[in-house]
């Protein structure tokens, strides 16, 4: 899991609220995306804003989006029905079924906008943790968390080679005991990737992340 935070991007919405699953737009905003209506985004793109722009478009409203020949080359994600995407617009970077959820949209937004895309959302955290390698154990804290890994602040330097056992508690889910492998180490800060995660643990972490993203 990387320490870099994604630069904020503007997401122009050409779709009704019912095209998204409950909480999806709230979650995208908390992940740093600036959601605006289509008209506001078009004005922003003409002002030379430093923010990158992408569109999320209901395929039934695709005709309302400016064509490539008009000078608008903004990439777009389609929200489609059961039959899947019918459009062949070259700006389309991917498609998601209507009642789109945050995970599917996040993966496409990352793929379209980021040099080092993440496949799942991560959130800030402040969770006490315990690390163990062999017979040696030490205290740590999880500072950000996703289904696939975490950013760890350790009381001891984390060795970059080999796996560690990581233990921490989640509200309502109880104790998580995971195997983790360092992806990058900077002194006592380490990005860890979870390995061989059980279905129960992964589901509990996913629920924790989703609850944080969609809480009122």
N, C-alpha and C. Protein backbone atom coordinates (compact mmCIF):
# COMPACT_ATOMS: atom_id res chain seq x y z
N UNK A 1 0.84 -1.19 0.00
CA UNK A 1 0.00 0.00 0.00
C UNK A 1 0.87 1.24 0.00
N UNK A 2 0.60 2.21 -0.85
CA UNK A 2 1.48 3.33 -1.06
C UNK A 2 1.16 4.46 -0.10
N UNK A 3 2.18 5.28 0.21
CA UNK A 3 1.96 6.42 1.08
C UNK A 3 1.43 7.64 0.33
N UNK A 4 1.56 7.66 -0.99
CA UNK A 4 1.14 8.82 -1.75
C UNK A 4 -0.37 8.96 -1.71
N UNK A 5 -0.84 10.20 -1.51
CA UNK A 5 -2.26 10.49 -1.58
C UNK A 5 -2.60 10.92 -3.00
N UNK A 6 -3.72 10.47 -3.52
CA UNK A 6 -4.12 10.82 -4.87
C UNK A 6 -4.43 12.31 -4.95
N UNK A 7 -3.85 13.03 -5.93
CA UNK A 7 -4.24 14.42 -6.13
C UNK A 7 -5.74 14.49 -6.41
N UNK A 8 -6.37 15.52 -5.93
CA UNK A 8 -7.81 15.65 -6.07
C UNK A 8 -8.19 15.89 -7.53
N UNK A 9 -9.24 15.23 -7.99
CA UNK A 9 -9.72 15.38 -9.36
C UNK A 9 -11.18 15.82 -9.33
N UNK A 10 -11.59 16.55 -10.35
CA UNK A 10 -12.99 16.94 -10.49
C UNK A 10 -13.73 15.87 -11.27
N UNK A 11 -14.87 15.43 -10.75
CA UNK A 11 -15.70 14.41 -11.40
C UNK A 11 -17.03 15.05 -11.78
N UNK A 12 -17.26 15.17 -13.09
CA UNK A 12 -18.51 15.73 -13.58
C UNK A 12 -19.56 14.63 -13.67
N UNK A 13 -20.70 14.86 -13.05
CA UNK A 13 -21.76 13.84 -12.99
C UNK A 13 -22.84 14.14 -14.03
N UNK A 14 -23.00 13.23 -14.98
CA UNK A 14 -24.08 13.29 -15.98
C UNK A 14 -25.00 12.10 -15.72
N UNK A 15 -25.56 12.01 -14.54
CA UNK A 15 -26.38 10.85 -14.19
C UNK A 15 -27.27 11.22 -13.02
N UNK A 16 -28.48 10.64 -12.96
CA UNK A 16 -29.37 10.90 -11.82
C UNK A 16 -28.88 10.19 -10.56
N UNK A 17 -29.33 10.65 -9.42
CA UNK A 17 -28.90 10.06 -8.15
C UNK A 17 -29.22 8.58 -8.09
N UNK A 18 -30.32 8.14 -8.71
CA UNK A 18 -30.73 6.74 -8.64
C UNK A 18 -29.78 5.82 -9.42
N UNK A 19 -28.86 6.38 -10.20
CA UNK A 19 -27.89 5.56 -10.92
C UNK A 19 -26.75 5.08 -10.03
N UNK A 20 -26.69 5.60 -8.80
CA UNK A 20 -25.63 5.25 -7.87
C UNK A 20 -26.20 4.47 -6.68
N UNK A 21 -25.43 3.56 -6.15
CA UNK A 21 -25.81 2.86 -4.92
C UNK A 21 -25.80 3.85 -3.76
N UNK A 22 -26.60 3.61 -2.72
CA UNK A 22 -26.63 4.52 -1.57
C UNK A 22 -25.24 4.74 -0.99
N UNK A 23 -24.92 6.00 -0.75
CA UNK A 23 -23.65 6.35 -0.12
C UNK A 23 -22.47 6.49 -1.06
N UNK A 24 -22.65 6.14 -2.35
CA UNK A 24 -21.52 6.14 -3.28
C UNK A 24 -20.95 7.55 -3.48
N UNK A 25 -21.81 8.51 -3.69
CA UNK A 25 -21.32 9.87 -3.94
C UNK A 25 -20.67 10.46 -2.70
N UNK A 26 -21.21 10.15 -1.53
CA UNK A 26 -20.57 10.60 -0.28
C UNK A 26 -19.18 10.00 -0.16
N UNK A 27 -19.08 8.70 -0.46
CA UNK A 27 -17.80 8.01 -0.34
C UNK A 27 -16.76 8.59 -1.30
N UNK A 28 -17.15 8.85 -2.54
CA UNK A 28 -16.20 9.40 -3.50
C UNK A 28 -15.70 10.77 -3.05
N UNK A 29 -16.59 11.57 -2.48
CA UNK A 29 -16.17 12.88 -1.97
C UNK A 29 -15.18 12.73 -0.82
N UNK A 30 -15.41 11.76 0.06
CA UNK A 30 -14.49 11.56 1.18
C UNK A 30 -13.15 10.97 0.74
N UNK A 31 -13.14 10.37 -0.43
CA UNK A 31 -11.88 9.86 -0.98
C UNK A 31 -11.10 10.94 -1.73
N UNK A 32 -11.63 12.17 -1.73
CA UNK A 32 -10.89 13.29 -2.30
C UNK A 32 -11.35 13.74 -3.66
N UNK A 33 -12.38 13.11 -4.23
CA UNK A 33 -12.87 13.53 -5.54
C UNK A 33 -13.88 14.67 -5.36
N UNK A 34 -13.76 15.67 -6.23
CA UNK A 34 -14.63 16.84 -6.18
C UNK A 34 -15.77 16.64 -7.17
N UNK A 35 -16.95 16.27 -6.67
CA UNK A 35 -18.09 15.98 -7.53
C UNK A 35 -18.87 17.25 -7.83
N UNK A 36 -19.12 17.49 -9.13
CA UNK A 36 -19.86 18.68 -9.54
C UNK A 36 -20.87 18.28 -10.61
N UNK A 37 -21.86 19.14 -10.84
CA UNK A 37 -22.78 18.85 -11.93
C UNK A 37 -22.10 19.13 -13.26
N UNK A 38 -22.65 18.63 -14.33
CA UNK A 38 -21.97 18.66 -15.63
C UNK A 38 -21.66 20.08 -16.09
N UNK A 39 -22.58 21.00 -15.91
CA UNK A 39 -22.37 22.36 -16.37
C UNK A 39 -21.22 23.04 -15.66
N UNK A 40 -21.11 22.82 -14.35
CA UNK A 40 -20.02 23.43 -13.58
C UNK A 40 -18.68 22.88 -14.02
N UNK A 41 -18.63 21.59 -14.33
CA UNK A 41 -17.37 20.98 -14.77
C UNK A 41 -16.94 21.53 -16.12
N UNK A 42 -17.90 21.73 -17.02
CA UNK A 42 -17.56 22.26 -18.34
C UNK A 42 -16.96 23.65 -18.21
N UNK A 43 -17.53 24.48 -17.30
CA UNK A 43 -17.00 25.81 -17.09
C UNK A 43 -15.59 25.73 -16.50
N UNK A 44 -15.38 24.82 -15.55
CA UNK A 44 -14.09 24.69 -14.90
C UNK A 44 -13.02 24.28 -15.92
N UNK A 45 -13.37 23.33 -16.83
CA UNK A 45 -12.39 22.87 -17.81
C UNK A 45 -11.97 24.00 -18.74
N UNK A 46 -12.87 24.95 -18.99
CA UNK A 46 -12.53 26.07 -19.84
C UNK A 46 -11.71 27.12 -19.13
N UNK A 47 -11.63 27.07 -17.81
CA UNK A 47 -10.88 28.05 -17.06
C UNK A 47 -9.43 27.64 -16.85
N UNK A 48 -9.03 26.45 -17.38
CA UNK A 48 -7.66 26.01 -17.22
C UNK A 48 -7.34 25.60 -15.80
N UNK A 49 -8.28 25.02 -15.11
CA UNK A 49 -8.04 24.58 -13.73
C UNK A 49 -6.93 23.55 -13.69
N UNK A 50 -6.18 23.56 -12.57
CA UNK A 50 -5.10 22.60 -12.40
C UNK A 50 -5.65 21.21 -12.07
N UNK A 51 -6.87 21.13 -11.61
CA UNK A 51 -7.44 19.83 -11.30
C UNK A 51 -7.72 19.04 -12.58
N UNK A 52 -7.50 17.75 -12.51
CA UNK A 52 -7.87 16.89 -13.62
C UNK A 52 -9.37 16.66 -13.60
N UNK A 53 -9.94 16.41 -14.76
CA UNK A 53 -11.40 16.27 -14.88
C UNK A 53 -11.73 14.95 -15.56
N UNK A 54 -12.74 14.28 -15.05
CA UNK A 54 -13.28 13.07 -15.66
C UNK A 54 -14.79 13.11 -15.50
N UNK A 55 -15.51 12.43 -16.39
CA UNK A 55 -16.97 12.42 -16.31
C UNK A 55 -17.49 11.04 -15.94
N UNK A 56 -18.57 11.00 -15.17
CA UNK A 56 -19.35 9.79 -14.96
C UNK A 56 -20.70 10.03 -15.63
N UNK A 57 -21.01 9.21 -16.64
CA UNK A 57 -22.14 9.49 -17.53
C UNK A 57 -23.09 8.30 -17.59
N UNK A 58 -24.36 8.53 -17.33
CA UNK A 58 -25.39 7.53 -17.61
C UNK A 58 -25.46 7.36 -19.12
N UNK A 59 -25.39 6.12 -19.61
CA UNK A 59 -25.35 5.94 -21.07
C UNK A 59 -26.59 6.47 -21.77
N UNK A 60 -27.68 6.64 -21.03
CA UNK A 60 -28.89 7.20 -21.62
C UNK A 60 -28.76 8.71 -21.81
N UNK A 61 -27.72 9.33 -21.22
CA UNK A 61 -27.50 10.76 -21.34
C UNK A 61 -26.23 11.08 -22.13
N UNK A 62 -25.68 10.09 -22.79
CA UNK A 62 -24.40 10.28 -23.48
C UNK A 62 -24.50 11.32 -24.58
N UNK A 63 -25.66 11.42 -25.21
CA UNK A 63 -25.81 12.39 -26.30
C UNK A 63 -25.68 13.82 -25.82
N UNK A 64 -25.87 14.05 -24.52
CA UNK A 64 -25.77 15.42 -24.00
C UNK A 64 -24.34 15.83 -23.72
N UNK A 65 -23.40 14.88 -23.80
CA UNK A 65 -22.00 15.18 -23.52
C UNK A 65 -21.34 15.70 -24.79
N UNK A 66 -20.58 16.81 -24.72
CA UNK A 66 -19.93 17.35 -25.92
C UNK A 66 -19.10 16.29 -26.63
N UNK A 67 -19.12 16.32 -27.95
CA UNK A 67 -18.40 15.34 -28.75
C UNK A 67 -16.91 15.66 -28.79
N UNK A 68 -16.12 14.64 -29.13
CA UNK A 68 -14.67 14.81 -29.21
C UNK A 68 -14.29 15.94 -30.16
N UNK A 69 -15.01 16.04 -31.26
CA UNK A 69 -14.66 17.05 -32.25
C UNK A 69 -14.87 18.48 -31.77
N UNK A 70 -15.62 18.66 -30.68
CA UNK A 70 -15.84 19.99 -30.16
C UNK A 70 -14.66 20.50 -29.35
N UNK A 71 -13.65 19.66 -29.17
CA UNK A 71 -12.49 20.06 -28.38
C UNK A 71 -12.53 19.55 -26.96
N UNK A 72 -13.59 18.86 -26.58
CA UNK A 72 -13.71 18.30 -25.23
C UNK A 72 -13.25 16.85 -25.26
N UNK A 73 -12.03 16.61 -24.82
CA UNK A 73 -11.50 15.25 -24.80
C UNK A 73 -11.49 14.65 -23.41
N UNK A 74 -12.35 15.13 -22.52
CA UNK A 74 -12.38 14.65 -21.14
C UNK A 74 -12.78 13.17 -21.12
N UNK A 75 -12.01 12.30 -20.45
CA UNK A 75 -12.39 10.88 -20.39
C UNK A 75 -13.67 10.68 -19.59
N UNK A 76 -14.35 9.56 -19.85
CA UNK A 76 -15.60 9.32 -19.14
C UNK A 76 -15.78 7.86 -18.77
N UNK A 77 -16.53 7.66 -17.69
CA UNK A 77 -16.95 6.34 -17.22
C UNK A 77 -18.45 6.24 -17.47
N UNK A 78 -18.88 5.15 -18.10
CA UNK A 78 -20.29 4.96 -18.41
C UNK A 78 -20.99 4.18 -17.31
N UNK A 79 -22.20 4.60 -16.98
CA UNK A 79 -23.11 3.81 -16.15
C UNK A 79 -24.12 3.17 -17.08
N UNK A 80 -24.21 1.84 -17.05
CA UNK A 80 -24.99 1.12 -18.05
C UNK A 80 -26.07 0.26 -17.41
N UNK A 81 -26.93 -0.29 -18.28
CA UNK A 81 -27.97 -1.21 -17.86
C UNK A 81 -27.50 -2.66 -17.95
N UNK A 82 -28.45 -3.58 -17.92
CA UNK A 82 -28.12 -4.99 -17.92
C UNK A 82 -27.43 -5.45 -19.20
N UNK A 83 -27.70 -4.78 -20.32
CA UNK A 83 -27.11 -5.19 -21.60
C UNK A 83 -25.66 -4.73 -21.75
N UNK A 84 -25.19 -3.90 -20.82
CA UNK A 84 -23.83 -3.42 -20.92
C UNK A 84 -23.72 -2.23 -21.85
N UNK A 85 -22.50 -1.70 -22.03
CA UNK A 85 -22.33 -0.49 -22.83
C UNK A 85 -22.61 -0.74 -24.31
N UNK A 86 -23.34 0.19 -24.91
CA UNK A 86 -23.63 0.12 -26.34
C UNK A 86 -22.84 1.16 -27.12
N UNK A 87 -22.20 2.11 -26.41
CA UNK A 87 -21.49 3.20 -27.06
C UNK A 87 -20.07 2.80 -27.42
N UNK A 88 -19.54 3.42 -28.45
CA UNK A 88 -18.15 3.17 -28.86
C UNK A 88 -17.34 4.46 -28.80
N UNK A 89 -17.77 5.41 -28.00
CA UNK A 89 -17.07 6.68 -27.85
C UNK A 89 -15.64 6.41 -27.39
N UNK A 90 -14.63 6.96 -28.07
CA UNK A 90 -13.23 6.67 -27.71
C UNK A 90 -12.82 7.21 -26.35
N UNK A 91 -13.62 8.12 -25.78
CA UNK A 91 -13.27 8.67 -24.47
C UNK A 91 -13.62 7.73 -23.33
N UNK A 92 -14.41 6.69 -23.59
CA UNK A 92 -14.86 5.79 -22.52
C UNK A 92 -13.69 4.96 -22.01
N UNK A 93 -13.41 5.09 -20.70
CA UNK A 93 -12.31 4.33 -20.09
C UNK A 93 -12.80 3.09 -19.36
N UNK A 94 -14.12 2.95 -19.22
CA UNK A 94 -14.68 1.78 -18.57
C UNK A 94 -16.15 1.97 -18.30
N UNK A 95 -16.81 0.89 -17.90
CA UNK A 95 -18.25 0.92 -17.66
C UNK A 95 -18.58 0.19 -16.36
N UNK A 96 -19.63 0.69 -15.69
CA UNK A 96 -20.13 0.10 -14.45
C UNK A 96 -21.64 0.02 -14.55
N UNK A 97 -22.23 -1.07 -14.07
CA UNK A 97 -23.69 -1.19 -14.08
C UNK A 97 -24.32 -0.12 -13.19
N UNK A 98 -25.49 0.35 -13.60
CA UNK A 98 -26.21 1.33 -12.80
C UNK A 98 -26.52 0.80 -11.39
N UNK A 99 -26.74 1.74 -10.50
CA UNK A 99 -26.66 1.55 -9.05
C UNK A 99 -25.20 1.27 -8.72
N UNK A 100 -24.34 2.08 -9.33
CA UNK A 100 -22.90 1.88 -9.25
C UNK A 100 -22.41 2.07 -7.82
N UNK A 101 -21.53 1.17 -7.38
CA UNK A 101 -20.95 1.23 -6.06
C UNK A 101 -19.59 1.89 -6.07
N UNK A 102 -19.12 2.27 -4.88
CA UNK A 102 -17.88 3.02 -4.77
C UNK A 102 -16.67 2.21 -5.21
N UNK A 103 -16.61 0.92 -4.91
CA UNK A 103 -15.42 0.15 -5.25
C UNK A 103 -15.19 0.07 -6.76
N UNK A 104 -16.26 -0.20 -7.52
CA UNK A 104 -16.12 -0.30 -8.97
C UNK A 104 -15.73 1.05 -9.58
N UNK A 105 -16.37 2.12 -9.11
CA UNK A 105 -16.05 3.44 -9.66
C UNK A 105 -14.65 3.88 -9.24
N UNK A 106 -14.28 3.60 -8.00
CA UNK A 106 -12.95 3.98 -7.52
C UNK A 106 -11.86 3.33 -8.37
N UNK A 107 -12.02 2.04 -8.66
CA UNK A 107 -11.00 1.33 -9.45
C UNK A 107 -10.84 1.97 -10.82
N UNK A 108 -11.94 2.35 -11.48
CA UNK A 108 -11.85 2.97 -12.80
C UNK A 108 -11.29 4.39 -12.73
N UNK A 109 -11.69 5.15 -11.71
CA UNK A 109 -11.14 6.49 -11.54
C UNK A 109 -9.63 6.44 -11.34
N UNK A 110 -9.19 5.51 -10.51
CA UNK A 110 -7.76 5.37 -10.27
C UNK A 110 -7.02 4.98 -11.56
N UNK A 111 -7.59 4.02 -12.29
CA UNK A 111 -6.94 3.55 -13.51
C UNK A 111 -6.82 4.67 -14.56
N UNK A 112 -7.84 5.52 -14.60
CA UNK A 112 -7.85 6.59 -15.60
C UNK A 112 -6.98 7.77 -15.21
N UNK A 113 -6.79 8.00 -13.91
CA UNK A 113 -6.19 9.25 -13.46
C UNK A 113 -4.81 9.12 -12.83
N UNK A 114 -4.49 7.94 -12.30
CA UNK A 114 -3.30 7.83 -11.48
C UNK A 114 -2.17 7.06 -12.15
N UNK A 115 -0.97 7.49 -11.88
CA UNK A 115 0.20 6.75 -12.36
C UNK A 115 0.37 5.44 -11.61
N UNK A 116 0.06 5.45 -10.30
CA UNK A 116 0.12 4.24 -9.48
C UNK A 116 -1.28 3.98 -8.92
N UNK A 117 -2.17 3.43 -9.72
CA UNK A 117 -3.58 3.27 -9.29
C UNK A 117 -3.73 2.25 -8.18
N UNK A 118 -4.65 2.53 -7.29
CA UNK A 118 -5.05 1.58 -6.26
C UNK A 118 -6.31 0.86 -6.74
N UNK A 119 -6.47 -0.37 -6.32
CA UNK A 119 -7.64 -1.14 -6.74
C UNK A 119 -8.80 -1.02 -5.75
N UNK A 120 -8.50 -0.66 -4.50
CA UNK A 120 -9.55 -0.52 -3.48
C UNK A 120 -9.30 0.75 -2.67
N UNK A 121 -10.36 1.35 -2.12
CA UNK A 121 -10.18 2.58 -1.33
C UNK A 121 -9.42 2.31 -0.03
N UNK A 122 -8.71 3.32 0.42
CA UNK A 122 -8.10 3.27 1.75
C UNK A 122 -8.58 4.48 2.54
N UNK A 123 -8.58 4.36 3.84
CA UNK A 123 -9.07 5.44 4.71
C UNK A 123 -8.04 5.71 5.80
N UNK A 124 -8.04 6.92 6.38
CA UNK A 124 -7.18 7.18 7.52
C UNK A 124 -7.64 6.37 8.72
N UNK A 125 -6.72 6.03 9.60
CA UNK A 125 -7.07 5.22 10.77
C UNK A 125 -6.14 5.56 11.92
N UNK A 126 -6.53 5.17 13.10
CA UNK A 126 -5.70 5.31 14.31
C UNK A 126 -5.97 4.09 15.17
N UNK A 127 -5.47 2.95 14.72
CA UNK A 127 -5.76 1.67 15.36
C UNK A 127 -4.50 1.10 15.99
N UNK A 128 -4.50 0.89 17.32
CA UNK A 128 -3.36 0.23 17.95
C UNK A 128 -3.16 -1.17 17.36
N UNK A 129 -1.91 -1.58 17.22
CA UNK A 129 -1.62 -2.88 16.60
C UNK A 129 -0.44 -3.53 17.32
N UNK A 130 -0.30 -4.83 17.08
CA UNK A 130 0.82 -5.59 17.61
C UNK A 130 1.45 -6.38 16.47
N UNK A 131 2.77 -6.26 16.34
CA UNK A 131 3.51 -6.98 15.30
C UNK A 131 4.33 -8.10 15.93
N UNK A 132 4.42 -9.20 15.20
CA UNK A 132 5.22 -10.33 15.67
C UNK A 132 5.98 -10.91 14.50
N UNK A 133 7.26 -11.19 14.73
CA UNK A 133 8.07 -11.94 13.78
C UNK A 133 8.87 -12.96 14.58
N UNK A 134 8.56 -14.22 14.35
CA UNK A 134 9.20 -15.27 15.16
C UNK A 134 8.79 -15.13 16.61
N UNK A 135 9.76 -15.04 17.50
CA UNK A 135 9.49 -14.90 18.93
C UNK A 135 9.52 -13.46 19.40
N UNK A 136 9.70 -12.53 18.46
CA UNK A 136 9.83 -11.11 18.82
C UNK A 136 8.55 -10.36 18.49
N UNK A 137 8.06 -9.58 19.46
CA UNK A 137 6.86 -8.78 19.25
C UNK A 137 7.08 -7.33 19.65
N UNK A 138 6.33 -6.42 19.02
CA UNK A 138 6.46 -5.00 19.34
C UNK A 138 5.17 -4.27 18.99
N UNK A 139 5.02 -3.08 19.55
CA UNK A 139 3.81 -2.28 19.38
C UNK A 139 3.89 -1.43 18.11
N UNK A 140 2.72 -1.12 17.57
CA UNK A 140 2.63 -0.28 16.37
C UNK A 140 1.25 0.34 16.32
N UNK A 141 1.01 1.15 15.30
CA UNK A 141 -0.31 1.74 15.06
C UNK A 141 -0.58 1.77 13.57
N UNK A 142 -1.80 1.47 13.19
CA UNK A 142 -2.22 1.54 11.79
C UNK A 142 -2.74 2.94 11.51
N UNK A 143 -2.12 3.61 10.53
CA UNK A 143 -2.49 4.99 10.22
C UNK A 143 -3.38 5.13 8.99
N UNK A 144 -3.42 4.13 8.13
CA UNK A 144 -4.40 4.07 7.06
C UNK A 144 -4.64 2.61 6.73
N UNK A 145 -5.85 2.32 6.19
CA UNK A 145 -6.26 0.92 6.07
C UNK A 145 -7.10 0.71 4.82
N UNK A 146 -6.88 -0.41 4.14
CA UNK A 146 -7.74 -0.87 3.06
C UNK A 146 -7.89 -2.38 3.18
N UNK A 147 -8.71 -2.96 2.30
CA UNK A 147 -8.85 -4.42 2.30
C UNK A 147 -7.54 -5.13 2.02
N UNK A 148 -6.63 -4.46 1.32
CA UNK A 148 -5.42 -5.13 0.84
C UNK A 148 -4.16 -4.78 1.61
N UNK A 149 -4.23 -3.79 2.48
CA UNK A 149 -3.01 -3.43 3.19
C UNK A 149 -3.22 -2.25 4.11
N UNK A 150 -2.10 -1.76 4.66
CA UNK A 150 -2.17 -0.65 5.61
C UNK A 150 -0.86 0.11 5.63
N UNK A 151 -0.90 1.30 6.20
CA UNK A 151 0.30 2.06 6.51
C UNK A 151 0.52 1.93 8.01
N UNK A 152 1.69 1.45 8.39
CA UNK A 152 2.00 1.13 9.78
C UNK A 152 3.03 2.11 10.33
N UNK A 153 2.76 2.64 11.52
CA UNK A 153 3.74 3.40 12.27
C UNK A 153 4.18 2.54 13.44
N UNK A 154 5.45 2.12 13.40
CA UNK A 154 5.95 1.11 14.33
C UNK A 154 6.84 1.73 15.40
N UNK A 155 6.90 1.11 16.57
CA UNK A 155 7.84 1.54 17.60
C UNK A 155 9.25 1.03 17.32
N UNK A 156 9.39 0.10 16.38
CA UNK A 156 10.68 -0.42 15.97
C UNK A 156 10.76 -0.40 14.45
N UNK A 157 11.96 -0.39 13.94
CA UNK A 157 12.13 -0.42 12.50
C UNK A 157 11.63 -1.75 11.93
N UNK A 158 10.85 -1.67 10.85
CA UNK A 158 10.33 -2.87 10.21
C UNK A 158 11.35 -3.33 9.17
N UNK A 159 11.74 -4.57 9.26
CA UNK A 159 12.69 -5.12 8.28
C UNK A 159 11.98 -5.29 6.93
N UNK A 160 12.62 -4.88 5.85
CA UNK A 160 11.96 -4.91 4.55
C UNK A 160 11.76 -6.30 3.96
N UNK A 161 12.46 -7.30 4.50
CA UNK A 161 12.34 -8.65 3.94
C UNK A 161 11.59 -9.55 4.91
N UNK A 162 10.76 -10.39 4.38
CA UNK A 162 10.03 -11.35 5.21
C UNK A 162 8.69 -10.82 5.68
N UNK A 163 7.87 -11.73 6.13
CA UNK A 163 6.52 -11.39 6.58
C UNK A 163 6.46 -11.20 8.08
N UNK A 164 5.42 -10.48 8.52
CA UNK A 164 5.16 -10.32 9.94
C UNK A 164 3.72 -10.71 10.21
N UNK A 165 3.43 -11.04 11.45
CA UNK A 165 2.07 -11.27 11.90
C UNK A 165 1.56 -9.98 12.51
N UNK A 166 0.40 -9.53 12.06
CA UNK A 166 -0.17 -8.25 12.49
C UNK A 166 -1.49 -8.51 13.19
N UNK A 167 -1.65 -7.90 14.35
CA UNK A 167 -2.87 -8.09 15.14
C UNK A 167 -3.43 -6.72 15.52
N UNK A 168 -4.72 -6.52 15.25
CA UNK A 168 -5.39 -5.27 15.65
C UNK A 168 -6.89 -5.55 15.76
N UNK A 169 -7.60 -4.65 16.43
CA UNK A 169 -9.03 -4.83 16.65
C UNK A 169 -9.83 -3.80 15.86
N UNK A 170 -10.97 -4.24 15.32
CA UNK A 170 -11.90 -3.36 14.65
C UNK A 170 -13.19 -3.27 15.46
N UNK A 171 -13.77 -2.08 15.57
CA UNK A 171 -15.05 -1.97 16.26
C UNK A 171 -16.09 -2.89 15.63
N UNK A 172 -16.84 -3.56 16.44
CA UNK A 172 -17.94 -4.45 16.05
C UNK A 172 -17.47 -5.77 15.44
N UNK A 173 -16.21 -5.84 15.01
CA UNK A 173 -15.72 -7.07 14.37
C UNK A 173 -14.73 -7.84 15.22
N UNK A 174 -14.12 -7.16 16.18
CA UNK A 174 -13.19 -7.84 17.06
C UNK A 174 -11.78 -7.93 16.50
N UNK A 175 -11.05 -8.92 16.94
CA UNK A 175 -9.63 -9.03 16.67
C UNK A 175 -9.35 -9.53 15.25
N UNK A 176 -8.46 -8.83 14.55
CA UNK A 176 -7.98 -9.24 13.24
C UNK A 176 -6.55 -9.77 13.39
N UNK A 177 -6.28 -10.95 12.89
CA UNK A 177 -4.94 -11.52 12.91
C UNK A 177 -4.54 -11.85 11.47
N UNK A 178 -3.58 -11.09 10.94
CA UNK A 178 -3.26 -11.15 9.52
C UNK A 178 -1.76 -11.36 9.30
N UNK A 179 -1.43 -11.99 8.18
CA UNK A 179 -0.05 -12.03 7.71
C UNK A 179 0.15 -10.83 6.79
N UNK A 180 1.29 -10.15 6.92
CA UNK A 180 1.54 -8.96 6.13
C UNK A 180 2.98 -8.95 5.65
N UNK A 181 3.18 -8.33 4.49
CA UNK A 181 4.50 -8.27 3.88
C UNK A 181 4.84 -6.82 3.58
N UNK A 182 6.00 -6.32 4.03
CA UNK A 182 6.38 -4.93 3.74
C UNK A 182 6.54 -4.69 2.24
N UNK A 183 5.92 -3.62 1.75
CA UNK A 183 6.08 -3.21 0.35
C UNK A 183 7.11 -2.09 0.24
N UNK A 184 7.13 -1.22 1.22
CA UNK A 184 8.15 -0.18 1.30
C UNK A 184 8.33 0.18 2.76
N UNK A 185 9.55 0.54 3.12
CA UNK A 185 9.89 0.85 4.51
C UNK A 185 10.66 2.15 4.55
N UNK A 186 10.27 3.03 5.45
CA UNK A 186 10.98 4.28 5.68
C UNK A 186 11.17 4.43 7.19
N UNK A 187 12.24 3.85 7.70
CA UNK A 187 12.47 3.87 9.14
C UNK A 187 11.41 3.06 9.86
N UNK A 188 10.62 3.77 10.69
CA UNK A 188 9.59 3.09 11.47
C UNK A 188 8.21 3.19 10.81
N UNK A 189 8.17 3.70 9.58
CA UNK A 189 6.93 3.72 8.80
C UNK A 189 7.04 2.66 7.71
N UNK A 190 5.98 1.90 7.53
CA UNK A 190 6.02 0.83 6.54
C UNK A 190 4.66 0.66 5.89
N UNK A 191 4.67 0.50 4.58
CA UNK A 191 3.47 0.10 3.86
C UNK A 191 3.42 -1.41 3.80
N UNK A 192 2.34 -1.99 4.29
CA UNK A 192 2.20 -3.44 4.35
C UNK A 192 1.11 -3.91 3.40
N UNK A 193 1.35 -5.02 2.74
CA UNK A 193 0.34 -5.70 1.93
C UNK A 193 -0.10 -6.95 2.69
N UNK A 194 -1.41 -7.13 2.84
CA UNK A 194 -1.92 -8.31 3.52
C UNK A 194 -1.81 -9.53 2.60
N UNK A 195 -1.44 -10.66 3.17
CA UNK A 195 -1.29 -11.90 2.42
C UNK A 195 -2.15 -13.00 3.04
N UNK A 196 -2.73 -13.84 2.19
CA UNK A 196 -3.51 -15.00 2.65
C UNK A 196 -4.59 -14.60 3.64
N UNK A 197 -5.26 -13.47 3.35
CA UNK A 197 -6.29 -12.97 4.26
C UNK A 197 -7.53 -13.84 4.20
N UNK A 198 -8.07 -14.19 5.35
CA UNK A 198 -9.29 -15.00 5.39
C UNK A 198 -10.47 -14.19 4.88
N UNK A 199 -11.50 -14.89 4.42
CA UNK A 199 -12.71 -14.22 3.94
C UNK A 199 -13.35 -13.40 5.05
N UNK A 200 -13.34 -13.93 6.28
CA UNK A 200 -13.92 -13.20 7.42
C UNK A 200 -13.19 -11.88 7.67
N UNK A 201 -11.85 -11.93 7.67
CA UNK A 201 -11.08 -10.71 7.95
C UNK A 201 -11.25 -9.69 6.84
N UNK A 202 -11.20 -10.16 5.60
CA UNK A 202 -11.34 -9.22 4.49
C UNK A 202 -12.72 -8.57 4.49
N UNK A 203 -13.75 -9.35 4.78
CA UNK A 203 -15.10 -8.81 4.85
C UNK A 203 -15.23 -7.79 5.97
N UNK A 204 -14.62 -8.06 7.12
CA UNK A 204 -14.68 -7.15 8.26
C UNK A 204 -13.98 -5.83 7.94
N UNK A 205 -12.82 -5.91 7.29
CA UNK A 205 -12.10 -4.69 6.94
C UNK A 205 -12.88 -3.90 5.90
N UNK A 206 -13.44 -4.60 4.91
CA UNK A 206 -14.23 -3.92 3.87
C UNK A 206 -15.42 -3.20 4.50
N UNK A 207 -16.07 -3.83 5.46
CA UNK A 207 -17.21 -3.21 6.13
C UNK A 207 -16.78 -1.98 6.93
N UNK A 208 -15.62 -2.09 7.58
CA UNK A 208 -15.11 -0.94 8.36
C UNK A 208 -14.81 0.23 7.43
N UNK A 209 -14.14 -0.04 6.31
CA UNK A 209 -13.83 1.02 5.35
C UNK A 209 -15.11 1.65 4.80
N UNK A 210 -16.07 0.81 4.41
CA UNK A 210 -17.31 1.31 3.85
C UNK A 210 -18.08 2.15 4.86
N UNK A 211 -18.09 1.72 6.11
CA UNK A 211 -18.81 2.48 7.15
C UNK A 211 -18.21 3.86 7.33
N UNK A 212 -16.88 3.93 7.31
CA UNK A 212 -16.21 5.23 7.46
C UNK A 212 -16.53 6.13 6.28
N UNK A 213 -16.55 5.57 5.07
CA UNK A 213 -16.75 6.37 3.87
C UNK A 213 -18.18 6.89 3.75
N UNK A 214 -19.14 6.13 4.22
CA UNK A 214 -20.54 6.50 3.98
C UNK A 214 -21.26 7.00 5.23
N UNK A 215 -20.55 7.14 6.35
CA UNK A 215 -21.20 7.61 7.58
C UNK A 215 -21.74 9.02 7.39
N UNK A 216 -22.92 9.31 7.94
CA UNK A 216 -23.50 10.66 7.80
C UNK A 216 -22.58 11.74 8.37
